[in-house]
Amino acid sequence: MRQIDHFISGGTGTSSARFGDIMDPNNGGVQARPTRSAVRA
């Protein structure tokens, strides 16, 4: 399974422990996991 990093303003940002799932509708499985950015206060 591949991991997709976000790319904002010329950089990949910090690594995050938060992920989402991108589903493959053909087989119902997860095909990729994009990172989610951390919430800043």
N, C-alpha and C. Protein backbone atom coordinates (compact mmCIF):
# COMPACT_ATOMS: atom_id res chain seq x y z
N MET A 1 0.85 -1.16 0.00
CA MET A 1 0.00 0.00 0.00
C MET A 1 0.90 1.23 0.00
N ARG A 2 0.54 2.21 -0.79
CA ARG A 2 1.38 3.41 -0.88
C ARG A 2 0.93 4.49 0.09
N GLN A 3 1.86 5.33 0.47
CA GLN A 3 1.58 6.45 1.37
C GLN A 3 1.74 7.73 0.58
N ILE A 4 0.79 8.65 0.74
CA ILE A 4 0.80 9.92 0.02
C ILE A 4 1.08 11.03 1.02
N ASP A 5 2.20 11.75 0.83
CA ASP A 5 2.53 12.88 1.70
C ASP A 5 1.96 14.16 1.10
N HIS A 6 1.60 15.11 1.96
CA HIS A 6 1.10 16.38 1.45
C HIS A 6 2.27 17.30 1.13
N PHE A 7 2.05 18.21 0.18
CA PHE A 7 3.09 19.12 -0.29
C PHE A 7 2.49 20.51 -0.32
N ILE A 8 2.85 21.36 0.67
CA ILE A 8 2.26 22.68 0.78
C ILE A 8 3.37 23.72 0.83
N SER A 9 3.27 24.76 0.00
CA SER A 9 4.21 25.88 -0.04
C SER A 9 5.66 25.43 -0.20
N GLY A 10 5.88 24.48 -1.06
CA GLY A 10 7.22 24.05 -1.39
C GLY A 10 7.85 23.06 -0.42
N GLY A 11 7.10 22.56 0.53
CA GLY A 11 7.66 21.61 1.48
C GLY A 11 6.65 20.54 1.86
N THR A 12 7.17 19.45 2.39
CA THR A 12 6.28 18.35 2.76
C THR A 12 5.74 18.51 4.17
N GLY A 13 6.23 19.48 4.92
CA GLY A 13 5.74 19.68 6.28
C GLY A 13 6.33 18.65 7.23
N THR A 14 5.73 18.54 8.39
CA THR A 14 6.21 17.59 9.38
C THR A 14 5.53 16.25 9.18
N SER A 15 6.17 15.21 9.63
CA SER A 15 5.54 13.91 9.54
C SER A 15 4.43 13.84 10.58
N SER A 16 3.36 13.21 10.23
CA SER A 16 2.20 13.14 11.09
C SER A 16 1.86 11.70 11.42
N ALA A 17 1.26 11.51 12.56
CA ALA A 17 0.81 10.17 12.94
C ALA A 17 -0.64 9.96 12.53
N ARG A 18 -1.22 10.95 11.87
CA ARG A 18 -2.62 10.85 11.44
C ARG A 18 -2.67 10.48 9.97
N PHE A 19 -3.51 9.52 9.64
CA PHE A 19 -3.66 9.05 8.27
C PHE A 19 -5.13 8.94 7.92
N GLY A 20 -5.43 8.96 6.64
CA GLY A 20 -6.75 8.68 6.14
C GLY A 20 -6.65 7.48 5.22
N ASP A 21 -7.76 7.03 4.70
CA ASP A 21 -7.76 5.90 3.78
C ASP A 21 -8.37 6.31 2.45
N ILE A 22 -7.76 5.88 1.35
CA ILE A 22 -8.33 6.04 0.02
C ILE A 22 -8.76 4.66 -0.43
N MET A 23 -10.05 4.51 -0.64
CA MET A 23 -10.62 3.22 -0.96
C MET A 23 -10.58 2.95 -2.48
N ASP A 24 -10.43 1.70 -2.83
CA ASP A 24 -10.51 1.25 -4.21
C ASP A 24 -11.90 0.67 -4.41
N PRO A 25 -12.75 1.32 -5.20
CA PRO A 25 -14.13 0.84 -5.36
C PRO A 25 -14.24 -0.50 -6.11
N ASN A 26 -13.19 -0.88 -6.82
CA ASN A 26 -13.25 -2.14 -7.56
C ASN A 26 -13.20 -3.35 -6.65
N ASN A 27 -12.40 -3.27 -5.59
CA ASN A 27 -12.30 -4.43 -4.71
C ASN A 27 -12.68 -4.13 -3.26
N GLY A 28 -13.02 -2.87 -2.95
CA GLY A 28 -13.45 -2.50 -1.61
C GLY A 28 -12.33 -2.39 -0.60
N GLY A 29 -11.10 -2.45 -1.05
CA GLY A 29 -9.95 -2.37 -0.14
C GLY A 29 -9.32 -1.00 -0.15
N VAL A 30 -8.40 -0.80 0.77
CA VAL A 30 -7.67 0.46 0.86
C VAL A 30 -6.51 0.40 -0.13
N GLN A 31 -6.36 1.46 -0.97
CA GLN A 31 -5.28 1.47 -1.95
C GLN A 31 -4.16 2.43 -1.57
N ALA A 32 -4.43 3.41 -0.70
CA ALA A 32 -3.41 4.37 -0.29
C ALA A 32 -3.80 5.00 1.04
N ARG A 33 -2.78 5.58 1.72
CA ARG A 33 -3.01 6.27 3.00
C ARG A 33 -2.36 7.64 2.94
N PRO A 34 -3.15 8.72 2.77
CA PRO A 34 -2.56 10.06 2.80
C PRO A 34 -2.35 10.52 4.24
N THR A 35 -1.27 11.27 4.47
CA THR A 35 -1.05 11.85 5.80
C THR A 35 -1.96 13.04 5.97
N ARG A 36 -2.34 13.29 7.20
CA ARG A 36 -3.14 14.46 7.53
C ARG A 36 -2.28 15.39 8.34
N SER A 37 -2.47 16.68 8.12
CA SER A 37 -1.65 17.65 8.83
C SER A 37 -2.07 17.73 10.29
N ALA A 38 -1.14 18.13 11.13
CA ALA A 38 -1.41 18.28 12.56
C ALA A 38 -2.16 19.61 12.78
N VAL A 39 -3.04 19.62 13.74
CA VAL A 39 -3.80 20.82 14.07
C VAL A 39 -2.93 21.70 14.96
N ARG A 40 -2.78 22.95 14.56
CA ARG A 40 -1.96 23.88 15.34
C ARG A 40 -2.89 24.80 16.12
N ALA A 41 -2.55 25.05 17.37
CA ALA A 41 -3.38 25.91 18.22
C ALA A 41 -2.91 27.34 18.17
